[in-house]
Structures are given as C-alpha cells and as structure tokens.
Amino acid sequence: MRITGESERGGSPRRGGTGRRRRVAGVGALALLVAAATATIWVPSPSAPAAAAPGPGTPAEGLRLGYFANATHAPALVGLQKGYLKDRLAADGTTLSTQVFNAGPAAVEALNAGAIDAAYLGPNPAISSFAASGGRSLVVVAGATSGGAQLVVRHGIDSPADLRGTTLASPQLGGTQDVALRGWLTDQGYAVDTDGGGDVAINPTGNAQTLDLFAAGRIDGAWLPEPWASRLVLEAGAQVLVDERDLWDGSLAGTAGQFPTTILVVDADYAAEHRQTVKDLVAGHADAVTWLNDAGQGQKLDTINAGLEESAGAELPRKVLARALKTTEFTTDPLAGDFEKLLEDGVAAGTTEPADLTGLFDLDALNSLPGTHVDDAGLGTSTATPNGGAQ
C-alpha cells in the first residue's frame, strides 16, 4: 500500500538552465503542514508482487481518474464531456470513474493511498511523490497544459519592490504554484518561512477562499492557476504582476513561454500491470488535446463550462473563461527538460527531497500514437521506438 503525509514568475531572470536558488522554507500555519509537504512516505505491501515487465498486460477492469475543476485541466474536462476517455477505455473493457480534487498534493495523497489510479496534476507534487518513494510511486505518461498561471495583486503593488510586508496566497503548500511563488520571491531577495512570516507572508489557501479573502482586502495577492487568476482580475479588481510564461525562456524544453502546468500521471504498479489500459487512457487524452487545439472558441467555452458545472457545480462567466484560455496552451508534451529545474525549485522551497528523476517518464503509450515523438530528456523508462513526427 501507499501512505502519504501530504494532500496541487515580472522582475526576475527568465527560467532556464542557470542560477541555483538558495534553500528557503515554505509557509504554513502549523509545523504539521510542513511535514506534510516535505515527506511523502511510500510503503509497498509485503504481499505485493514485483512490478511486471513492460508488455501488453491485461486491461484493467476499472481506472479511477483524478482531476481538478480548473481551466488548466481542460483536457480532462473535455475528455470527459466528449467521451474520449470513457470510449477509449471501454473499447478494452475498462470502466472509468472520476474524482475531483482542489490541488495536486491532495491528488498525490489519493494516488499514493491507492484511492485513484491516475491523475491530472501539477509537476511539483508529482516530482515530490516520485522523489520520496525512491522512484516507485508514479510515472508521467503525458503532458496536458502549459501556461495558465499568474501572480495577481491589488492595485498599489506595481513592482516586486512593493511586496515587502504583504500577504500572498497559493493553492496548497508544495503545489506547483506554491513552489513557483516561493522561488520567485527568493529570486527577488525576499525571505519567507514556514510560519507565514518573513519579508512576505505566504498563506496556502483554497482557490475559492482566496478569491473571497482578496475581495475582502485580507490578502494582497496570489499566485494562481486559471481560471482563478482571471477571476481575481475580472471579479475582484486584481492586476497581473507576474505572468509565469515570461519566466521560461525555452532553453530547457519547448519554446519561450512554455512550462508544464498540468501533466497526466499513473500509479507505477498500475502502469506496469495494465499497459493497454494506459495506452487507451493516453489515446483518449490525446483526442481531447487535439479537440481543444482544433475547436472554435465558442465550442471550447461551452464544453469546458459544461465540465466545470458538472465537477464544480457552476459555470464560469464566458469572459473569465475566455481570458483564462488566452494564457493557456494544451499539449501532450510534458516538457520533460524542465523537470530538473522544477525539482531544484522544490528542494530550494523545502517541499521536495533531492532525487534522481531517471524513470519519472514512461512515454511509450504517448509515442505509440501516430505522428507523435515526444522527448523524455533522458528521464524515461522507455526503450520503444517512437513513430516519429510531432504533436
């Protein structure tokens, strides 16, 4: 079984292969939260069989999938609304069930506890889980989203120099936006700590509560994924201080402005035992990404909103969702070349252990799709020959 202790950048140099951040602590109201973000314990059952060698395997009877009700999880929302995921899995007799999460660490906890088999989540919680388990907890099987994260603040904060003494929020301690915020503040010369003190206080807070707190003037800003950054801007009068796309120069992976926001991961044992099921999952996911990149704006807004209503109980105003999609790109490429930097950031933030990331990626299923050739940056388990081309 798996047990976990945790539950999902202007002014600084662009993100690339240079510059090591000094180690800084995260914030949390209690020491328990810090322990939760820094220690994922992976304990295999004594009776569990050794992981199967890669092969076709037996299709699973079921696949339990986690995702968020966020615009950055549009491939999941579309895949469910259009039936791409269900239909691909059903072709081999696998039944799909889903669970909605608010942040990556919570999804990782469920994955490690055996409550779900696969999840859409941010890269930093996936890295933390992989590191803490010695590379045995999960594998990344595809990318989903690049971009779609911003630091939005109240008016009067017009530069990084204005942040001293302010209080900022992130979705959850150890999540992707939380690590990005801590790293960026450190690059600006600010100290932060695990008790919400330091030069800038960081309070990990659920996204909906963050909107309420900002509107009430109780926090000064937040580093958020979409659509929450757009909601603070359009509904609560925030302004953008940092668009994270400006911090990635494309020197490690992809092109300038690209960075992984959402990826698709699968429990490592499940992936080894049910290769065909993973192939079906990735094919359905790729169908959704292709649809998102081909569909008209109105179609996208309607379908994503239908998914949000189903998963979160309410649609978004179309102007909010339209703004969110302007900063977001959908791709099956996980941008593997960025992950060593993401690991470095997590270690510096105190939310991730140092680790060798070799084996984090299993892109066989993705690269078996026609016209797809995605690089794992030397961090993969794959020995298969891709079909060539690009997606």
Protein backbone atom coordinates (compact mmCIF):
# COMPACT_ATOMS: atom_id res chain seq x y z
CA MET A 1 0.00 0.00 0.00
CA ARG A 2 1.00 3.62 -0.31
CA ILE A 3 0.81 6.14 2.51
CA THR A 4 1.44 9.84 2.19
CA GLY A 5 1.73 12.76 4.55
CA GLU A 6 0.54 15.43 2.09
CA SER A 7 -2.52 16.09 0.07
CA GLU A 8 -1.75 20.83 -6.30
CA ARG A 9 7.12 34.11 -12.04
CA GLY A 10 7.92 40.47 -13.73
CA GLY A 11 11.37 41.30 -12.42
CA SER A 12 13.44 38.15 -12.22
CA PRO A 13 15.64 36.44 -14.79
CA ARG A 14 13.84 34.11 -17.11
CA ARG A 15 13.60 30.47 -16.16
CA GLY A 16 16.35 28.44 -17.77
CA GLY A 17 19.30 26.24 -17.00
CA THR A 18 21.25 28.73 -14.92
CA GLY A 19 21.05 30.05 -11.40
CA ARG A 20 20.53 27.89 -8.33
CA ARG A 21 18.17 29.25 -5.75
CA ARG A 22 19.27 29.22 -2.13
CA ARG A 23 17.21 26.94 0.05
CA VAL A 24 14.20 28.63 1.55
CA ALA A 25 11.39 27.34 3.66
CA GLY A 26 7.76 27.32 2.67
CA VAL A 27 4.96 28.64 4.80
CA GLY A 28 2.21 27.02 6.71
CA ALA A 29 0.34 27.82 9.83
CA LEU A 30 1.46 24.65 11.53
CA ALA A 31 4.59 22.52 11.52
CA LEU A 32 2.32 19.64 10.54
CA LEU A 33 1.71 21.25 7.17
CA VAL A 34 5.44 21.48 6.57
CA ALA A 35 5.91 17.85 7.37
CA ALA A 36 3.04 17.05 5.05
CA ALA A 37 4.61 18.92 2.15
CA THR A 38 8.10 17.56 2.60
CA ALA A 39 7.52 13.92 3.41
CA THR A 40 5.64 11.54 1.16
CA ILE A 41 6.08 8.03 2.52
CA TRP A 42 5.71 5.16 0.08
CA VAL A 43 5.42 1.75 1.72
CA PRO A 44 4.91 -1.27 -0.54
CA SER A 45 2.78 -4.05 0.92
CA PRO A 46 4.84 -7.16 1.85
CA SER A 47 2.46 -9.26 -0.20
CA ALA A 48 2.53 -7.03 -3.26
CA PRO A 49 4.00 -8.70 -6.36
CA ALA A 50 7.00 -7.25 -8.11
CA ALA A 51 6.14 -4.80 -10.87
CA ALA A 52 5.50 -6.55 -14.15
CA ALA A 53 7.89 -6.14 -17.03
CA PRO A 54 6.63 -3.76 -19.72
CA GLY A 55 4.30 -5.58 -22.03
CA PRO A 56 0.70 -5.61 -23.24
CA GLY A 57 -0.58 -6.82 -19.86
CA THR A 58 -4.22 -7.39 -19.04
CA PRO A 59 -6.61 -4.47 -19.47
CA ALA A 60 -7.83 -3.31 -16.10
CA GLU A 61 -11.45 -3.70 -15.09
CA GLY A 62 -11.51 -0.10 -13.96
CA LEU A 63 -9.49 3.11 -13.98
CA ARG A 64 -10.07 5.74 -11.27
CA LEU A 65 -9.01 9.17 -12.53
CA GLY A 66 -8.44 12.35 -10.52
CA TYR A 67 -8.57 15.87 -11.92
CA PHE A 68 -9.31 19.49 -10.90
CA ALA A 69 -12.18 21.78 -11.81
CA ASN A 70 -9.72 24.26 -13.35
CA ALA A 71 -9.22 25.66 -16.83
CA THR A 72 -5.70 24.24 -16.73
CA HIS A 73 -7.35 20.80 -16.57
CA ALA A 74 -9.37 21.40 -19.72
CA PRO A 75 -8.06 18.19 -21.35
CA ALA A 76 -9.67 16.23 -18.54
CA LEU A 77 -12.89 18.27 -18.69
CA VAL A 78 -13.13 17.88 -22.46
CA GLY A 79 -12.09 14.23 -22.38
CA LEU A 80 -14.97 13.51 -20.02
CA GLN A 81 -17.57 15.75 -21.69
CA LYS A 82 -16.84 14.47 -25.21
CA GLY A 83 -16.48 10.85 -24.07
CA TYR A 84 -12.96 10.46 -25.40
CA LEU A 85 -11.57 8.93 -22.21
CA LYS A 86 -14.55 6.70 -21.49
CA ASP A 87 -14.81 5.41 -25.05
CA ARG A 88 -11.12 4.61 -25.46
CA LEU A 89 -11.07 2.71 -22.17
CA ALA A 90 -14.37 0.95 -22.78
CA ALA A 91 -13.04 -0.46 -26.05
CA ASP A 92 -10.90 -2.82 -23.95
CA GLY A 93 -13.49 -3.39 -21.25
CA THR A 94 -12.23 -0.81 -18.73
CA THR A 95 -14.73 1.26 -16.76
CA LEU A 96 -13.80 4.87 -15.99
CA SER A 97 -14.63 6.59 -12.69
CA THR A 98 -13.50 10.04 -11.59
CA GLN A 99 -12.78 12.13 -8.50
CA VAL A 100 -12.35 15.91 -8.32
CA PHE A 101 -9.52 17.46 -6.26
CA ASN A 102 -8.65 21.04 -5.35
CA ALA A 103 -4.84 20.80 -5.54
CA GLY A 104 -2.01 18.49 -6.58
CA PRO A 105 -0.76 17.37 -3.17
CA ALA A 106 -4.25 16.10 -2.32
CA ALA A 107 -4.41 14.16 -5.60
CA VAL A 108 -0.97 12.67 -4.93
CA GLU A 109 -2.11 11.59 -1.48
CA ALA A 110 -5.05 9.76 -3.01
CA LEU A 111 -2.82 8.19 -5.67
CA ASN A 112 -0.28 7.02 -3.10
CA ALA A 113 -3.02 5.66 -0.85
CA GLY A 114 -4.44 3.59 -3.69
CA ALA A 115 -7.70 5.57 -3.90
CA ILE A 116 -7.13 6.51 -7.57
CA ASP A 117 -5.04 5.02 -10.37
CA ALA A 118 -4.20 8.11 -12.43
CA ALA A 119 -4.45 11.86 -12.14
CA TYR A 120 -4.09 15.17 -13.87
CA LEU A 121 -1.95 17.36 -11.60
CA GLY A 122 0.90 19.84 -11.49
CA PRO A 123 4.50 18.72 -11.95
CA ASN A 124 5.83 19.62 -8.49
CA PRO A 125 3.58 17.29 -6.48
CA ALA A 126 4.41 14.51 -8.94
CA ILE A 127 8.13 15.18 -8.52
CA SER A 128 7.78 15.21 -4.72
CA SER A 129 6.00 11.88 -4.70
CA PHE A 130 8.50 10.28 -7.08
CA ALA A 131 11.42 11.58 -5.01
CA ALA A 132 10.03 10.47 -1.67
CA SER A 133 9.21 6.98 -2.97
CA GLY A 134 12.64 6.39 -4.46
CA GLY A 135 11.12 6.47 -7.93
CA ARG A 136 8.44 3.85 -7.27
CA SER A 137 5.21 5.79 -6.81
CA LEU A 138 4.15 7.10 -10.22
CA VAL A 139 5.12 7.76 -13.82
CA VAL A 140 4.34 10.71 -16.09
CA VAL A 141 2.65 9.41 -19.23
CA ALA A 142 1.81 12.71 -21.00
CA GLY A 143 1.70 16.45 -20.75
CA ALA A 144 -1.61 18.30 -20.72
CA THR A 145 -1.22 22.06 -20.23
CA SER A 146 1.45 24.74 -20.50
CA GLY A 147 0.96 28.21 -19.07
CA GLY A 148 -2.10 29.46 -17.26
CA ALA A 149 -0.51 30.69 -14.01
CA GLN A 150 -0.07 34.27 -12.79
CA LEU A 151 0.75 36.30 -9.70
CA VAL A 152 -2.13 38.75 -9.37
CA VAL A 153 -2.10 41.52 -6.77
CA ARG A 154 -4.04 44.52 -5.52
CA HIS A 155 -3.57 47.93 -7.10
CA GLY A 156 -0.73 49.82 -5.49
CA ILE A 157 1.62 46.86 -5.92
CA ASP A 158 3.32 47.78 -9.17
CA SER A 159 6.71 46.09 -8.87
CA PRO A 160 8.41 43.33 -6.85
CA ALA A 161 9.79 46.04 -4.54
CA ASP A 162 6.24 46.77 -3.34
CA LEU A 163 5.73 43.29 -1.91
CA ARG A 164 7.63 43.64 1.36
CA GLY A 165 5.23 43.22 4.26
CA THR A 166 2.40 41.86 2.12
CA THR A 167 0.46 38.60 2.42
CA LEU A 168 0.10 36.37 -0.61
CA ALA A 169 -1.73 33.09 -1.17
CA SER A 170 -1.02 29.91 -3.11
CA PRO A 171 -3.38 26.96 -3.68
CA GLN A 172 -1.61 24.47 -1.39
CA LEU A 173 1.75 24.03 0.30
CA GLY A 174 4.07 22.12 -2.02
CA GLY A 175 1.85 22.56 -5.06
CA THR A 176 3.19 23.81 -8.38
CA GLN A 177 2.08 27.43 -7.96
CA ASP A 178 3.22 27.42 -4.33
CA VAL A 179 6.74 26.36 -5.32
CA ALA A 180 6.77 28.89 -8.18
CA LEU A 181 5.79 31.71 -5.81
CA ARG A 182 8.43 30.81 -3.22
CA GLY A 183 11.14 30.51 -5.84
CA TRP A 184 10.26 33.81 -7.48
CA LEU A 185 10.16 35.68 -4.14
CA THR A 186 13.57 34.25 -3.27
CA ASP A 187 14.89 35.47 -6.63
CA GLN A 188 13.65 38.94 -5.66
CA GLY A 189 15.70 38.79 -2.45
CA TYR A 190 12.82 38.17 -0.05
CA ALA A 191 12.88 35.73 2.86
CA VAL A 192 9.85 33.55 3.57
CA ASP A 193 9.37 30.97 6.27
CA THR A 194 7.15 28.08 7.28
CA ASP A 195 5.15 30.08 9.82
CA GLY A 196 3.84 32.67 7.38
CA GLY A 197 6.46 35.17 8.45
CA GLY A 198 9.49 36.62 6.73
CA ASP A 199 9.53 39.56 4.36
CA VAL A 200 6.44 38.31 2.53
CA ALA A 201 3.88 36.06 4.20
CA ILE A 202 2.59 33.15 2.10
CA ASN A 203 -0.67 31.56 3.19
CA PRO A 204 -1.58 28.37 1.29
CA THR A 205 -5.34 28.68 0.80
CA GLY A 206 -8.04 27.03 -1.28
CA ASN A 207 -8.71 28.92 -4.51
CA ALA A 208 -12.32 29.84 -3.77
CA GLN A 209 -11.38 31.15 -0.33
CA THR A 210 -8.50 33.10 -1.87
CA LEU A 211 -10.98 34.95 -4.09
CA ASP A 212 -13.12 35.83 -1.07
CA LEU A 213 -10.13 36.92 1.03
CA PHE A 214 -8.76 39.09 -1.76
CA ALA A 215 -12.13 40.72 -2.39
CA ALA A 216 -12.36 41.47 1.34
CA GLY A 217 -8.89 43.03 1.40
CA ARG A 218 -7.48 40.41 3.74
CA ILE A 219 -4.70 39.30 1.40
CA ASP A 220 -2.69 41.30 -1.12
CA GLY A 221 -2.49 38.82 -3.97
CA ALA A 222 -1.96 35.22 -5.00
CA TRP A 223 -0.07 33.01 -7.44
CA LEU A 224 -2.88 31.04 -9.06
CA PRO A 225 -3.74 28.71 -11.93
CA GLU A 226 -6.51 29.55 -14.33
CA PRO A 227 -9.35 30.33 -14.09
CA TRP A 228 -8.64 31.69 -10.62
CA ALA A 229 -6.14 34.32 -11.73
CA SER A 230 -8.72 35.61 -14.21
CA ARG A 231 -11.45 35.56 -11.58
CA LEU A 232 -9.39 37.76 -9.24
CA VAL A 233 -8.65 40.16 -12.11
CA LEU A 234 -12.17 40.40 -13.55
CA GLU A 235 -14.28 39.87 -10.44
CA ALA A 236 -12.16 41.38 -7.67
CA GLY A 237 -10.09 44.07 -9.41
CA ALA A 238 -6.65 42.46 -9.22
CA GLN A 239 -3.82 43.26 -11.63
CA VAL A 240 -1.13 40.97 -13.02
CA LEU A 241 2.33 41.38 -11.52
CA VAL A 242 3.86 38.22 -12.98
CA ASP A 243 2.78 36.02 -15.87
CA GLU A 244 4.78 32.85 -15.39
CA ARG A 245 5.20 32.43 -19.14
CA ASP A 246 7.65 35.34 -19.03
CA LEU A 247 9.97 33.37 -16.75
CA TRP A 248 10.61 30.40 -19.03
CA ASP A 249 12.93 31.07 -21.98
CA GLY A 250 12.62 27.71 -23.73
CA SER A 251 16.26 26.77 -23.18
CA LEU A 252 15.35 23.57 -21.31
CA ALA A 253 12.25 22.40 -23.16
CA GLY A 254 9.69 23.60 -25.64
CA THR A 255 9.75 27.21 -26.75
CA ALA A 256 9.89 30.52 -24.91
CA GLY A 257 6.89 30.88 -22.64
CA GLN A 258 6.17 27.17 -22.33
CA PHE A 259 6.31 25.42 -18.96
CA PRO A 260 4.39 22.44 -17.59
CA THR A 261 1.33 23.35 -15.56
CA THR A 262 -0.65 20.11 -15.81
CA ILE A 263 0.57 16.60 -16.58
CA LEU A 264 -1.04 13.17 -16.65
CA VAL A 265 0.41 10.61 -14.22
CA VAL A 266 -0.35 6.98 -13.47
CA ASP A 267 0.42 4.83 -10.46
CA ALA A 268 3.66 2.99 -11.32
CA ASP A 269 2.40 -0.50 -10.46
CA TYR A 270 -0.83 0.06 -12.36
CA ALA A 271 1.12 1.31 -15.38
CA ALA A 272 3.35 -1.78 -15.36
CA GLU A 273 0.49 -4.23 -14.94
CA HIS A 274 -2.00 -2.65 -17.37
CA ARG A 275 -0.03 -1.34 -20.32
CA GLN A 276 -3.01 -1.48 -22.70
CA THR A 277 -5.19 0.47 -20.28
CA VAL A 278 -2.57 3.20 -20.04
CA LYS A 279 -2.34 3.26 -23.81
CA ASP A 280 -6.12 3.70 -24.01
CA LEU A 281 -6.05 6.47 -21.38
CA VAL A 282 -3.33 8.36 -23.21
CA ALA A 283 -5.12 7.96 -26.54
CA GLY A 284 -8.31 9.42 -25.10
CA HIS A 285 -6.31 12.23 -23.52
CA ALA A 286 -4.63 12.99 -26.86
CA ASP A 287 -8.06 13.07 -28.51
CA ALA A 288 -9.12 15.75 -26.02
CA VAL A 289 -5.96 17.82 -26.58
CA THR A 290 -6.43 17.63 -30.35
CA TRP A 291 -10.04 18.77 -30.00
CA LEU A 292 -9.03 21.70 -27.80
CA ASN A 293 -6.47 22.84 -30.35
CA ASP A 294 -8.88 22.46 -33.31
CA ALA A 295 -12.21 23.64 -31.89
CA GLY A 296 -13.59 27.12 -32.23
CA GLN A 297 -13.64 29.47 -29.27
CA GLY A 298 -17.36 29.11 -28.70
CA GLN A 299 -17.17 25.33 -28.73
CA LYS A 300 -14.34 25.37 -26.21
CA LEU A 301 -16.14 27.73 -23.87
CA ASP A 302 -19.33 25.68 -23.99
CA THR A 303 -17.63 22.33 -23.43
CA ILE A 304 -15.25 23.43 -20.71
CA ASN A 305 -18.06 25.21 -18.91
CA ALA A 306 -20.20 22.08 -19.08
CA GLY A 307 -17.33 20.20 -17.47
CA LEU A 308 -16.92 22.85 -14.79
CA GLU A 309 -20.62 22.79 -13.99
CA GLU A 310 -20.50 19.03 -13.62
CA SER A 311 -17.35 18.96 -11.50
CA ALA A 312 -17.64 22.20 -9.52
CA GLY A 313 -21.37 22.90 -9.63
CA ALA A 314 -21.22 26.12 -11.64
CA GLU A 315 -20.16 27.51 -14.99
CA LEU A 316 -17.79 30.45 -15.33
CA PRO A 317 -18.72 33.76 -16.94
CA ARG A 318 -17.62 33.45 -20.54
CA LYS A 319 -15.34 36.50 -20.29
CA VAL A 320 -13.49 34.88 -17.37
CA LEU A 321 -13.00 31.60 -19.18
CA ALA A 322 -12.01 33.35 -22.40
CA ARG A 323 -9.32 35.33 -20.55
CA ALA A 324 -8.08 32.15 -18.87
CA LEU A 325 -7.68 30.36 -22.19
CA LYS A 326 -5.59 33.21 -23.63
CA THR A 327 -2.72 32.36 -21.28
CA THR A 328 -3.08 28.58 -21.62
CA GLU A 329 -1.75 26.12 -24.17
CA PHE A 330 -2.72 22.47 -24.46
CA THR A 331 -0.08 19.90 -25.41
CA THR A 332 0.64 16.23 -24.86
CA ASP A 333 4.34 17.09 -24.45
CA PRO A 334 5.17 17.11 -20.71
CA LEU A 335 8.20 19.33 -21.41
CA ALA A 336 10.44 16.86 -19.62
CA GLY A 337 13.52 19.06 -19.96
CA ASP A 338 12.04 21.46 -17.39
CA PHE A 339 11.69 18.88 -14.63
CA GLU A 340 15.23 19.02 -13.24
CA LYS A 341 14.70 22.75 -12.74
CA LEU A 342 11.34 22.13 -11.13
CA LEU A 343 12.99 19.64 -8.78
CA GLU A 344 15.64 22.21 -7.91
CA ASP A 345 12.93 24.75 -7.14
CA GLY A 346 11.08 22.33 -4.90
CA VAL A 347 14.22 21.46 -2.97
CA ALA A 348 15.03 25.15 -2.56
CA ALA A 349 11.50 25.79 -1.31
CA GLY A 350 11.78 23.00 1.24
CA THR A 351 8.89 20.98 -0.20
CA THR A 352 10.80 18.28 -2.10
CA GLU A 353 13.68 15.95 -1.37
CA PRO A 354 16.73 15.83 -3.67
CA ALA A 355 16.34 12.93 -6.08
CA ASP A 356 17.40 11.26 -9.30
CA LEU A 357 14.46 11.73 -11.68
CA THR A 358 15.50 8.93 -14.04
CA GLY A 359 12.45 6.78 -14.64
CA LEU A 360 9.91 9.52 -13.94
CA PHE A 361 8.64 9.43 -17.52
CA ASP A 362 7.05 6.50 -19.31
CA LEU A 363 6.12 7.88 -22.72
CA ASP A 364 5.72 4.57 -24.56
CA ALA A 365 1.95 4.92 -24.82
CA LEU A 366 2.20 8.53 -25.98
CA ASN A 367 4.89 7.81 -28.54
CA SER A 368 2.92 4.87 -29.92
CA LEU A 369 0.34 7.33 -31.26
CA PRO A 370 0.67 8.11 -34.98
CA GLY A 371 2.80 11.14 -35.70
CA THR A 372 3.98 11.55 -32.12
CA HIS A 373 7.58 11.76 -30.96
CA VAL A 374 7.96 13.34 -27.51
CA ASP A 375 11.35 13.51 -25.78
CA ASP A 376 11.76 12.36 -22.18
CA ALA A 377 15.00 14.33 -21.69
CA GLY A 378 16.82 11.17 -20.63
CA LEU A 379 14.49 10.74 -17.64
CA GLY A 380 12.36 7.92 -19.03
CA THR A 381 11.88 4.20 -18.72
CA SER A 382 11.07 3.80 -22.40
CA THR A 383 13.10 1.77 -24.86
CA ALA A 384 10.40 1.81 -27.51
CA THR A 385 10.91 3.46 -30.85
CA PRO A 386 8.50 6.36 -31.41
CA ASN A 387 6.56 6.64 -34.63
CA GLY A 388 8.19 9.94 -35.48
CA GLY A 389 6.66 13.32 -36.10
CA ALA A 390 5.39 15.74 -33.51
CA GLN A 391 2.26 16.73 -31.67
